[in-house]
Amino acid sequence: MNTIKRLWPVLLLLLSSMACTITVPLPDVRVPEVPTLEVGTMQEYREEVPLTDVTEAGVEISCGAGELTLSAGEPDKLFSGLFRTNVPAWVPEVTWQNGVLKVKQQDSVGIPGAGAKNEWDFRFAPGVPLDMTIQVGAAKGRLDMSNLALTDLTIETGASDLVVSWDEKNPVPMDRLLLRAGAANLEVRGIGYANPQEVRVEGGVGNIRLDFGGPWSGSSQVRITAGIGSLTLRFPQDVGVRIVVEGALGGVKVGPEWRISNGAYVNSAYGQSGTTIQVTLTTGLGSVTVEG
C-alpha cells in the first residue's frame, strides 16, 4: 500500500507529460488569392436621358471607387453622364425605367492595379423634382446641388472624401436629408438653401462638418447620432437653434454665444426668429463642436 502511495505522484507526472506531447493535427487552411483587376487604356463613355415627358424622377447612384462630380446641367436633358475609366471591370451600368434612373458601378472582385482611374461627371436638369440616393465607397466626390430640385436626398459614404454644397435655394420643398457616414471625411455646406424639413445624420469613425447656413424659409427637425470621429456643427446666427444632448452636456464644446436653458443649448435667436432648428444630438466617443 505504501508502495502505491509512493508511485502515485510519479504516475501523475508521467501522464501529464504525455498529455503535453500529444500533437493535434491542424487542417490545411489555404487563404484564397485575391485577383488583380486589369488596368488598360483610358476609355470614355457617355449616357444621356432626354427630358421628354419627364416631370419628376428617382435617382440611384452607386460608385464604389474613383471620383464623382455632380451639378446642374442643361435644361433639356434629365441626365448627362461622362464616364472615364481604365479598368474594364468598372464600366458602369446605366438604366432608365419607370421613372427611375440607376447608375451603378459593376460588381467586381479584386484589387485594381497601379494607375487605376475611375471618373464620373454627372449633370442633371435644373427644376425637375428629384428623389436622389447616392452611395459612395472608397471615392472622392464634389457634389454641387445648387439649382437642383431635390425632394429627398440620401447620401451613404464609406471610406470616402466627400463635399456636398448648396449656394442657391432649393426650388421645391425637401422632405428629408439623410446622411450616413462610415470612415469618411464628409462636409456639407449651405443646408439652409436646401431647407429640409427633417435632417438625419449617422456618424461613423471619420470627420463630419455640417454647415446649416442659408436662407431657411421653414423650421426643421434634426437628429444626429455622433460616432467616434469628430463632428462640427455650424448654425446661422439669425435662426433660432435648440440642441438637446442625449448624454453629458460636457461632451459638447460650444462658443460663448450659446447658453443652457431647461437642459438644452440655445442660441441668442432662439424664441426670437420665425424659424427654428430643433436638434437632438446623441454623443459618441468622438468630439463635438458647435459654432455660430
C-alpha atoms as a PDB file:
ATOM      1  CA  MET A   1       0.000   0.000   0.000  1.00  0.00           C
ATOM      2  CA  ASN A   2       2.842   2.373   0.846  1.00  0.00           C
ATOM      3  CA  THR A   3       4.480   1.476  -2.452  1.00  0.00           C
ATOM      4  CA  ILE A   4       1.355   2.513  -4.341  1.00  0.00           C
ATOM      5  CA  LYS A   5       1.269   5.838  -2.471  1.00  0.00           C
ATOM      6  CA  ARG A   6       4.887   6.469  -3.403  1.00  0.00           C
ATOM      7  CA  LEU A   7       4.284   5.631  -7.099  1.00  0.00           C
ATOM      8  CA  TRP A   8       1.114   7.689  -7.471  1.00  0.00           C
ATOM      9  CA  PRO A   9       2.846  11.087  -7.870  1.00  0.00           C
ATOM     10  CA  VAL A  10       5.198   9.550 -10.413  1.00  0.00           C
ATOM     11  CA  LEU A  11       2.272   8.197 -12.428  1.00  0.00           C
ATOM     12  CA  LEU A  12       0.559  11.620 -12.413  1.00  0.00           C
ATOM     13  CA  LEU A  13       3.740  13.312 -13.615  1.00  0.00           C
ATOM     14  CA  LEU A  14       4.148  10.736 -16.390  1.00  0.00           C
ATOM     15  CA  LEU A  15       0.545  11.131 -17.578  1.00  0.00           C
ATOM     16  CA  SER A  16       0.762  14.958 -17.595  1.00  0.00           C
ATOM     17  CA  SER A  17       3.963  14.896 -19.612  1.00  0.00           C
ATOM     18  CA  MET A  18       2.358  12.533 -22.131  1.00  0.00           C
ATOM     19  CA  ALA A  19      -0.638  14.862 -22.459  1.00  0.00           C
ATOM     20  CA  CYS A  20       1.640  17.804 -23.210  1.00  0.00           C
ATOM     21  CA  THR A  21       3.335  15.903 -26.024  1.00  0.00           C
ATOM     22  CA  ILE A  22       0.128  14.955 -27.837  1.00  0.00           C
ATOM     23  CA  THR A  23       0.019  16.682 -31.231  1.00  0.00           C
ATOM     24  CA  VAL A  24      -3.350  17.615 -32.685  1.00  0.00           C
ATOM     25  CA  PRO A  25      -3.187  17.866 -36.471  1.00  0.00           C
ATOM     26  CA  LEU A  26      -4.472  21.204 -37.810  1.00  0.00           C
ATOM     27  CA  PRO A  27      -6.492  21.450 -41.006  1.00  0.00           C
ATOM     28  CA  ASP A  28      -4.675  22.700 -44.077  1.00  0.00           C
ATOM     29  CA  VAL A  29      -6.213  26.151 -44.471  1.00  0.00           C
ATOM     30  CA  ARG A  30      -5.336  27.973 -47.663  1.00  0.00           C
ATOM     31  CA  VAL A  31      -6.014  31.676 -47.996  1.00  0.00           C
ATOM     32  CA  PRO A  32      -7.525  32.311 -51.423  1.00  0.00           C
ATOM     33  CA  GLU A  33      -5.609  34.650 -53.655  1.00  0.00           C
ATOM     34  CA  VAL A  34      -7.302  37.987 -54.352  1.00  0.00           C
ATOM     35  CA  PRO A  35      -7.393  38.576 -58.104  1.00  0.00           C
ATOM     36  CA  THR A  36      -5.997  41.745 -59.646  1.00  0.00           C
ATOM     37  CA  LEU A  37      -8.283  43.842 -61.814  1.00  0.00           C
ATOM     38  CA  GLU A  38      -6.887  44.567 -65.244  1.00  0.00           C
ATOM     39  CA  VAL A  39      -5.821  48.141 -65.932  1.00  0.00           C
ATOM     40  CA  GLY A  40      -5.832  49.173 -69.574  1.00  0.00           C
ATOM     41  CA  THR A  41      -6.093  52.347 -71.609  1.00  0.00           C
ATOM     42  CA  MET A  42      -8.435  55.171 -70.614  1.00  0.00           C
ATOM     43  CA  GLN A  43     -11.882  54.859 -72.195  1.00  0.00           C
ATOM     44  CA  GLU A  44     -14.793  57.324 -72.269  1.00  0.00           C
ATOM     45  CA  TYR A  45     -18.485  56.510 -72.152  1.00  0.00           C
ATOM     46  CA  ARG A  46     -21.430  58.910 -72.389  1.00  0.00           C
ATOM     47  CA  GLU A  47     -25.009  58.348 -71.290  1.00  0.00           C
ATOM     48  CA  GLU A  48     -27.966  60.719 -71.659  1.00  0.00           C
ATOM     49  CA  VAL A  49     -31.639  60.720 -70.756  1.00  0.00           C
ATOM     50  CA  PRO A  50     -33.756  63.357 -72.521  1.00  0.00           C
ATOM     51  CA  LEU A  51     -36.252  65.389 -70.552  1.00  0.00           C
ATOM     52  CA  THR A  52     -39.157  64.495 -72.825  1.00  0.00           C
ATOM     53  CA  ASP A  53     -42.375  63.964 -70.805  1.00  0.00           C
ATOM     54  CA  VAL A  54     -40.415  63.752 -67.519  1.00  0.00           C
ATOM     55  CA  THR A  55     -41.965  65.726 -64.663  1.00  0.00           C
ATOM     56  CA  GLU A  56     -40.122  64.029 -61.774  1.00  0.00           C
ATOM     57  CA  ALA A  57     -37.622  61.218 -61.308  1.00  0.00           C
ATOM     58  CA  GLY A  58     -35.942  58.909 -58.857  1.00  0.00           C
ATOM     59  CA  VAL A  59     -32.143  58.695 -58.989  1.00  0.00           C
ATOM     60  CA  GLU A  60     -29.978  55.904 -57.546  1.00  0.00           C
ATOM     61  CA  ILE A  61     -26.200  56.271 -57.829  1.00  0.00           C
ATOM     62  CA  SER A  62     -23.692  53.694 -56.589  1.00  0.00           C
ATOM     63  CA  CYS A  63     -19.979  54.475 -57.004  1.00  0.00           C
ATOM     64  CA  GLY A  64     -17.562  52.057 -55.388  1.00  0.00           C
ATOM     65  CA  ALA A  65     -14.211  53.659 -56.127  1.00  0.00           C
ATOM     66  CA  GLY A  66     -12.914  56.653 -58.031  1.00  0.00           C
ATOM     67  CA  GLU A  67     -14.028  60.267 -58.332  1.00  0.00           C
ATOM     68  CA  LEU A  68     -17.560  61.625 -58.605  1.00  0.00           C
ATOM     69  CA  THR A  69     -18.653  65.145 -59.529  1.00  0.00           C
ATOM     70  CA  LEU A  70     -22.278  66.255 -59.807  1.00  0.00           C
ATOM     71  CA  SER A  71     -24.019  69.533 -60.656  1.00  0.00           C
ATOM     72  CA  ALA A  72     -26.902  71.110 -62.584  1.00  0.00           C
ATOM     73  CA  GLY A  73     -26.746  70.786 -66.350  1.00  0.00           C
ATOM     74  CA  GLU A  74     -28.731  71.571 -69.478  1.00  0.00           C
ATOM     75  CA  PRO A  75     -32.496  72.128 -69.078  1.00  0.00           C
ATOM     76  CA  ASP A  76     -33.428  69.762 -71.943  1.00  0.00           C
ATOM     77  CA  LYS A  77     -31.599  66.719 -70.535  1.00  0.00           C
ATOM     78  CA  LEU A  78     -32.719  64.965 -67.388  1.00  0.00           C
ATOM     79  CA  PHE A  79     -29.292  63.331 -67.117  1.00  0.00           C
ATOM     80  CA  SER A  80     -25.974  63.642 -68.856  1.00  0.00           C
ATOM     81  CA  GLY A  81     -23.105  61.449 -67.685  1.00  0.00           C
ATOM     82  CA  LEU A  82     -19.474  61.236 -68.709  1.00  0.00           C
ATOM     83  CA  PHE A  83     -17.561  58.169 -67.523  1.00  0.00           C
ATOM     84  CA  ARG A  84     -13.798  57.763 -67.854  1.00  0.00           C
ATOM     85  CA  THR A  85     -12.045  54.621 -66.635  1.00  0.00           C
ATOM     86  CA  ASN A  86      -9.101  52.403 -67.485  1.00  0.00           C
ATOM     87  CA  VAL A  87     -10.467  49.415 -65.586  1.00  0.00           C
ATOM     88  CA  PRO A  88     -12.843  47.456 -67.861  1.00  0.00           C
ATOM     89  CA  ALA A  89     -14.481  45.770 -64.862  1.00  0.00           C
ATOM     90  CA  TRP A  90     -15.608  49.197 -63.619  1.00  0.00           C
ATOM     91  CA  VAL A  91     -17.619  50.222 -66.675  1.00  0.00           C
ATOM     92  CA  PRO A  92     -20.938  51.364 -65.155  1.00  0.00           C
ATOM     93  CA  GLU A  93     -24.437  50.090 -65.757  1.00  0.00           C
ATOM     94  CA  VAL A  94     -26.978  52.826 -66.571  1.00  0.00           C
ATOM     95  CA  THR A  95     -30.711  52.162 -66.774  1.00  0.00           C
ATOM     96  CA  TRP A  96     -33.755  54.416 -67.099  1.00  0.00           C
ATOM     97  CA  GLN A  97     -37.010  52.631 -66.408  1.00  0.00           C
ATOM     98  CA  ASN A  98     -40.363  53.531 -64.861  1.00  0.00           C
ATOM     99  CA  GLY A  99     -39.195  56.982 -63.885  1.00  0.00           C
ATOM    100  CA  VAL A 100     -36.074  55.779 -62.050  1.00  0.00           C
ATOM    101  CA  LEU A 101     -32.509  56.380 -63.215  1.00  0.00           C
ATOM    102  CA  LYS A 102     -29.966  53.887 -61.880  1.00  0.00           C
ATOM    103  CA  VAL A 103     -26.218  54.314 -62.271  1.00  0.00           C
ATOM    104  CA  LYS A 104     -24.148  51.531 -60.750  1.00  0.00           C
ATOM    105  CA  GLN A 105     -20.516  50.533 -60.878  1.00  0.00           C
ATOM    106  CA  GLN A 106     -20.372  46.904 -61.928  1.00  0.00           C
ATOM    107  CA  ASP A 107     -19.768  44.315 -59.235  1.00  0.00           C
ATOM    108  CA  SER A 108     -16.156  43.168 -59.399  1.00  0.00           C
ATOM    109  CA  VAL A 109     -13.892  41.228 -57.063  1.00  0.00           C
ATOM    110  CA  GLY A 110     -10.242  42.115 -56.993  1.00  0.00           C
ATOM    111  CA  ILE A 111      -7.650  44.767 -56.328  1.00  0.00           C
ATOM    112  CA  PRO A 112      -7.025  47.266 -59.114  1.00  0.00           C
ATOM    113  CA  GLY A 113      -3.514  47.508 -60.464  1.00  0.00           C
ATOM    114  CA  ALA A 114      -1.324  50.586 -60.342  1.00  0.00           C
ATOM    115  CA  GLY A 115      -2.672  53.655 -62.100  1.00  0.00           C
ATOM    116  CA  ALA A 116      -6.349  52.636 -61.928  1.00  0.00           C
ATOM    117  CA  LYS A 117      -8.743  55.527 -62.591  1.00  0.00           C
ATOM    118  CA  ASN A 118     -12.499  55.859 -62.489  1.00  0.00           C
ATOM    119  CA  GLU A 119     -14.068  59.287 -63.043  1.00  0.00           C
ATOM    120  CA  TRP A 120     -17.786  60.080 -63.159  1.00  0.00           C
ATOM    121  CA  ASP A 121     -19.136  63.516 -64.092  1.00  0.00           C
ATOM    122  CA  PHE A 122     -22.917  63.933 -63.824  1.00  0.00           C
ATOM    123  CA  ARG A 123     -25.303  66.711 -64.852  1.00  0.00           C
ATOM    124  CA  PHE A 124     -28.997  66.869 -64.014  1.00  0.00           C
ATOM    125  CA  ALA A 125     -31.716  69.139 -65.359  1.00  0.00           C
ATOM    126  CA  PRO A 126     -32.459  72.063 -63.026  1.00  0.00           C
ATOM    127  CA  GLY A 127     -36.030  72.412 -61.795  1.00  0.00           C
ATOM    128  CA  VAL A 128     -37.083  68.774 -62.195  1.00  0.00           C
ATOM    129  CA  PRO A 129     -38.072  67.262 -58.806  1.00  0.00           C
ATOM    130  CA  LEU A 130     -35.607  64.508 -57.906  1.00  0.00           C
ATOM    131  CA  ASP A 131     -35.672  61.880 -55.165  1.00  0.00           C
ATOM    132  CA  MET A 132     -31.954  61.048 -55.051  1.00  0.00           C
ATOM    133  CA  THR A 133     -29.906  58.348 -53.304  1.00  0.00           C
ATOM    134  CA  ILE A 134     -26.104  58.345 -53.575  1.00  0.00           C
ATOM    135  CA  GLN A 135     -23.848  55.561 -52.289  1.00  0.00           C
ATOM    136  CA  VAL A 136     -20.121  56.250 -52.351  1.00  0.00           C
ATOM    137  CA  GLY A 137     -17.464  53.757 -51.292  1.00  0.00           C
ATOM    138  CA  ALA A 138     -13.738  54.463 -51.376  1.00  0.00           C
ATOM    139  CA  ALA A 139     -14.126  57.532 -53.543  1.00  0.00           C
ATOM    140  CA  LYS A 140     -13.737  61.282 -53.703  1.00  0.00           C
ATOM    141  CA  GLY A 141     -16.729  63.434 -54.504  1.00  0.00           C
ATOM    142  CA  ARG A 142     -17.709  67.042 -55.114  1.00  0.00           C
ATOM    143  CA  LEU A 143     -21.492  67.328 -55.299  1.00  0.00           C
ATOM    144  CA  ASP A 144     -22.853  70.803 -56.110  1.00  0.00           C
ATOM    145  CA  MET A 145     -26.595  70.609 -55.509  1.00  0.00           C
ATOM    146  CA  SER A 146     -27.271  74.253 -56.386  1.00  0.00           C
ATOM    147  CA  ASN A 147     -30.240  74.746 -58.756  1.00  0.00           C
ATOM    148  CA  LEU A 148     -31.315  71.114 -58.431  1.00  0.00           C
ATOM    149  CA  ALA A 149     -34.896  70.455 -57.262  1.00  0.00           C
ATOM    150  CA  LEU A 150     -34.377  67.842 -54.554  1.00  0.00           C
ATOM    151  CA  THR A 151     -37.424  66.493 -52.741  1.00  0.00           C
ATOM    152  CA  ASP A 152     -35.396  63.894 -50.826  1.00  0.00           C
ATOM    153  CA  LEU A 153     -31.663  63.269 -50.627  1.00  0.00           C
ATOM    154  CA  THR A 154     -29.867  60.271 -49.091  1.00  0.00           C
ATOM    155  CA  ILE A 155     -26.076  60.045 -49.059  1.00  0.00           C
ATOM    156  CA  GLU A 156     -24.238  56.983 -47.737  1.00  0.00           C
ATOM    157  CA  THR A 157     -20.453  57.034 -47.653  1.00  0.00           C
ATOM    158  CA  GLY A 158     -17.749  54.528 -46.815  1.00  0.00           C
ATOM    159  CA  ALA A 159     -14.044  55.382 -46.763  1.00  0.00           C
ATOM    160  CA  SER A 160     -14.640  58.473 -48.854  1.00  0.00           C
ATOM    161  CA  ASP A 161     -13.777  62.152 -49.035  1.00  0.00           C
ATOM    162  CA  LEU A 162     -16.980  63.967 -49.920  1.00  0.00           C
ATOM    163  CA  VAL A 163     -18.096  67.604 -50.151  1.00  0.00           C
ATOM    164  CA  VAL A 164     -21.792  68.401 -50.697  1.00  0.00           C
ATOM    165  CA  SER A 165     -22.828  72.019 -51.190  1.00  0.00           C
ATOM    166  CA  TRP A 166     -25.690  74.403 -51.925  1.00  0.00           C
ATOM    167  CA  ASP A 167     -25.430  78.105 -52.738  1.00  0.00           C
ATOM    168  CA  GLU A 168     -28.847  78.549 -54.368  1.00  0.00           C
ATOM    169  CA  LYS A 169     -32.248  77.986 -52.820  1.00  0.00           C
ATOM    170  CA  ASN A 170     -33.901  74.635 -53.481  1.00  0.00           C
ATOM    171  CA  PRO A 171     -36.850  75.396 -55.826  1.00  0.00           C
ATOM    172  CA  VAL A 172     -39.017  72.682 -54.246  1.00  0.00           C
ATOM    173  CA  PRO A 173     -39.686  71.656 -50.633  1.00  0.00           C
ATOM    174  CA  MET A 174     -37.280  68.979 -49.367  1.00  0.00           C
ATOM    175  CA  ASP A 175     -38.815  66.403 -47.083  1.00  0.00           C
ATOM    176  CA  ARG A 176     -35.648  64.788 -45.755  1.00  0.00           C
ATOM    177  CA  LEU A 177     -31.871  64.927 -45.871  1.00  0.00           C
ATOM    178  CA  LEU A 178     -30.302  61.661 -44.685  1.00  0.00           C
ATOM    179  CA  LEU A 179     -26.541  61.301 -44.216  1.00  0.00           C
ATOM    180  CA  ARG A 180     -24.783  58.067 -43.231  1.00  0.00           C
ATOM    181  CA  ALA A 181     -21.009  58.271 -42.920  1.00  0.00           C
ATOM    182  CA  GLY A 182     -18.566  55.443 -42.263  1.00  0.00           C
ATOM    183  CA  ALA A 183     -14.809  56.010 -42.186  1.00  0.00           C
ATOM    184  CA  ALA A 184     -15.315  59.177 -44.167  1.00  0.00           C
ATOM    185  CA  ASN A 185     -14.465  62.838 -44.343  1.00  0.00           C
ATOM    186  CA  LEU A 186     -17.835  64.432 -45.066  1.00  0.00           C
ATOM    187  CA  GLU A 187     -18.533  68.145 -45.376  1.00  0.00           C
ATOM    188  CA  VAL A 188     -21.978  69.548 -46.162  1.00  0.00           C
ATOM    189  CA  ARG A 189     -22.298  73.278 -46.858  1.00  0.00           C
ATOM    190  CA  GLY A 190     -25.358  75.523 -47.068  1.00  0.00           C
ATOM    191  CA  ILE A 191     -28.008  73.157 -45.718  1.00  0.00           C
ATOM    192  CA  GLY A 192     -30.291  76.161 -45.225  1.00  0.00           C
ATOM    193  CA  TYR A 193     -30.509  76.569 -49.016  1.00  0.00           C
ATOM    194  CA  ALA A 194     -31.833  73.006 -49.277  1.00  0.00           C
ATOM    195  CA  ASN A 195     -34.306  73.798 -46.456  1.00  0.00           C
ATOM    196  CA  PRO A 196     -35.110  70.183 -45.470  1.00  0.00           C
ATOM    197  CA  GLN A 197     -37.978  69.632 -43.052  1.00  0.00           C
ATOM    198  CA  GLU A 198     -36.055  66.745 -41.498  1.00  0.00           C
ATOM    199  CA  VAL A 199     -32.333  66.037 -41.231  1.00  0.00           C
ATOM    200  CA  ARG A 200     -30.898  62.743 -40.013  1.00  0.00           C
ATOM    201  CA  VAL A 201     -27.178  62.163 -39.591  1.00  0.00           C
ATOM    202  CA  GLU A 202     -25.470  58.926 -38.552  1.00  0.00           C
ATOM    203  CA  GLY A 203     -21.755  59.348 -37.915  1.00  0.00           C
ATOM    204  CA  GLY A 204     -19.031  56.734 -38.087  1.00  0.00           C
ATOM    205  CA  VAL A 205     -15.305  56.883 -37.402  1.00  0.00           C
ATOM    206  CA  GLY A 206     -14.471  59.760 -39.711  1.00  0.00           C
ATOM    207  CA  ASN A 207     -14.845  63.526 -39.624  1.00  0.00           C
ATOM    208  CA  ILE A 208     -18.131  65.290 -40.335  1.00  0.00           C
ATOM    209  CA  ARG A 209     -18.685  69.018 -40.753  1.00  0.00           C
ATOM    210  CA  LEU A 210     -22.237  70.322 -41.237  1.00  0.00           C
ATOM    211  CA  ASP A 211     -22.902  73.952 -42.148  1.00  0.00           C
ATOM    212  CA  PHE A 212     -26.581  74.846 -41.686  1.00  0.00           C
ATOM    213  CA  GLY A 213     -26.180  78.297 -43.210  1.00  0.00           C
ATOM    214  CA  GLY A 214     -28.550  79.656 -45.819  1.00  0.00           C
ATOM    215  CA  PRO A 215     -31.967  81.317 -46.152  1.00  0.00           C
ATOM    216  CA  TRP A 216     -34.167  78.999 -44.092  1.00  0.00           C
ATOM    217  CA  SER A 217     -37.839  79.512 -45.011  1.00  0.00           C
ATOM    218  CA  GLY A 218     -39.233  76.941 -42.579  1.00  0.00           C
ATOM    219  CA  SER A 219     -38.379  75.117 -39.388  1.00  0.00           C
ATOM    220  CA  SER A 220     -36.539  71.794 -39.309  1.00  0.00           C
ATOM    221  CA  GLN A 221     -36.126  68.751 -37.086  1.00  0.00           C
ATOM    222  CA  VAL A 222     -32.546  67.469 -36.908  1.00  0.00           C
ATOM    223  CA  ARG A 223     -31.482  64.131 -35.427  1.00  0.00           C
ATOM    224  CA  ILE A 224     -27.736  63.470 -35.182  1.00  0.00           C
ATOM    225  CA  THR A 225     -26.000  60.355 -33.862  1.00  0.00           C
ATOM    226  CA  ALA A 226     -22.319  61.141 -33.441  1.00  0.00           C
ATOM    227  CA  GLY A 227     -19.720  58.422 -33.986  1.00  0.00           C
ATOM    228  CA  ILE A 228     -16.177  58.111 -32.681  1.00  0.00           C
ATOM    229  CA  GLY A 229     -14.722  60.695 -35.038  1.00  0.00           C
ATOM    230  CA  SER A 230     -15.092  64.474 -34.926  1.00  0.00           C
ATOM    231  CA  LEU A 231     -18.360  66.323 -35.568  1.00  0.00           C
ATOM    232  CA  THR A 232     -18.613  70.065 -36.192  1.00  0.00           C
ATOM    233  CA  LEU A 233     -21.987  71.839 -36.421  1.00  0.00           C
ATOM    234  CA  ARG A 234     -22.218  75.410 -37.663  1.00  0.00           C
ATOM    235  CA  PHE A 235     -25.522  77.301 -37.419  1.00  0.00           C
ATOM    236  CA  PRO A 236     -26.594  80.728 -38.745  1.00  0.00           C
ATOM    237  CA  GLN A 237     -26.984  83.415 -36.109  1.00  0.00           C
ATOM    238  CA  ASP A 238     -30.347  84.645 -37.428  1.00  0.00           C
ATOM    239  CA  VAL A 239     -32.136  81.297 -36.986  1.00  0.00           C
ATOM    240  CA  GLY A 240     -33.226  80.012 -33.607  1.00  0.00           C
ATOM    241  CA  VAL A 241     -31.486  76.774 -32.633  1.00  0.00           C
ATOM    242  CA  ARG A 242     -32.135  74.452 -29.706  1.00  0.00           C
ATOM    243  CA  ILE A 243     -29.862  71.442 -29.113  1.00  0.00           C
ATOM    244  CA  VAL A 244     -30.891  68.629 -26.798  1.00  0.00           C
ATOM    245  CA  VAL A 245     -27.935  66.405 -25.942  1.00  0.00           C
ATOM    246  CA  GLU A 246     -28.596  62.772 -25.103  1.00  0.00           C
ATOM    247  CA  GLY A 247     -25.561  62.143 -22.948  1.00  0.00           C
ATOM    248  CA  ALA A 248     -23.362  64.509 -20.985  1.00  0.00           C
ATOM    249  CA  LEU A 249     -23.557  68.197 -21.887  1.00  0.00           C
ATOM    250  CA  GLY A 250     -19.877  68.404 -21.076  1.00  0.00           C
ATOM    251  CA  GLY A 251     -19.091  66.255 -24.094  1.00  0.00           C
ATOM    252  CA  VAL A 252     -20.080  69.107 -26.421  1.00  0.00           C
ATOM    253  CA  LYS A 253     -17.911  72.172 -26.974  1.00  0.00           C
ATOM    254  CA  VAL A 254     -19.866  75.381 -27.620  1.00  0.00           C
ATOM    255  CA  GLY A 255     -18.939  79.039 -28.007  1.00  0.00           C
ATOM    256  CA  PRO A 256     -19.806  81.876 -25.596  1.00  0.00           C
ATOM    257  CA  GLU A 257     -22.859  82.849 -27.651  1.00  0.00           C
ATOM    258  CA  TRP A 258     -24.664  79.694 -26.519  1.00  0.00           C
ATOM    259  CA  ARG A 259     -26.423  79.265 -23.181  1.00  0.00           C
ATOM    260  CA  ILE A 260     -28.131  76.424 -21.360  1.00  0.00           C
ATOM    261  CA  SER A 261     -31.901  76.688 -20.978  1.00  0.00           C
ATOM    262  CA  ASN A 262     -34.006  73.875 -19.499  1.00  0.00           C
ATOM    263  CA  GLY A 263     -31.256  71.340 -20.058  1.00  0.00           C
ATOM    264  CA  ALA A 264     -30.570  72.273 -23.688  1.00  0.00           C
ATOM    265  CA  TYR A 265     -28.218  74.567 -25.578  1.00  0.00           C
ATOM    266  CA  VAL A 266     -29.906  77.557 -27.256  1.00  0.00           C
ATOM    267  CA  ASN A 267     -28.539  80.458 -29.269  1.00  0.00           C
ATOM    268  CA  SER A 268     -29.499  84.114 -28.971  1.00  0.00           C
ATOM    269  CA  ALA A 269     -32.028  83.893 -31.830  1.00  0.00           C
ATOM    270  CA  TYR A 270     -33.979  81.066 -30.212  1.00  0.00           C
ATOM    271  CA  GLY A 271     -37.505  82.229 -29.453  1.00  0.00           C
ATOM    272  CA  GLN A 272     -36.926  85.440 -31.432  1.00  0.00           C
ATOM    273  CA  SER A 273     -36.759  84.287 -35.070  1.00  0.00           C
ATOM    274  CA  GLY A 274     -39.624  82.959 -37.147  1.00  0.00           C
ATOM    275  CA  THR A 275     -37.812  79.715 -37.919  1.00  0.00           C
ATOM    276  CA  THR A 276     -36.358  77.178 -35.531  1.00  0.00           C
ATOM    277  CA  ILE A 277     -33.931  74.295 -35.910  1.00  0.00           C
ATOM    278  CA  GLN A 278     -34.632  71.677 -33.256  1.00  0.00           C
ATOM    279  CA  VAL A 279     -31.630  69.381 -32.815  1.00  0.00           C
ATOM    280  CA  THR A 280     -31.416  66.089 -30.929  1.00  0.00           C
ATOM    281  CA  LEU A 281     -27.793  65.059 -30.572  1.00  0.00           C
ATOM    282  CA  THR A 282     -26.656  61.655 -29.334  1.00  0.00           C
ATOM    283  CA  THR A 283     -22.982  61.874 -28.468  1.00  0.00           C
ATOM    284  CA  GLY A 284     -20.479  59.097 -29.040  1.00  0.00           C
ATOM    285  CA  LEU A 285     -16.805  58.715 -28.153  1.00  0.00           C
ATOM    286  CA  GLY A 286     -15.658  61.411 -30.541  1.00  0.00           C
ATOM    287  CA  SER A 287     -15.555  65.189 -30.236  1.00  0.00           C
ATOM    288  CA  VAL A 288     -18.485  67.522 -30.931  1.00  0.00           C
ATOM    289  CA  THR A 289     -18.071  71.251 -31.607  1.00  0.00           C
ATOM    290  CA  VAL A 290     -20.947  73.712 -32.104  1.00  0.00           C
ATOM    291  CA  GLU A 291     -20.272  77.016 -33.875  1.00  0.00           C
ATOM    292  CA  GLY A 292     -22.364  80.039 -34.835  1.00  0.00           C
END
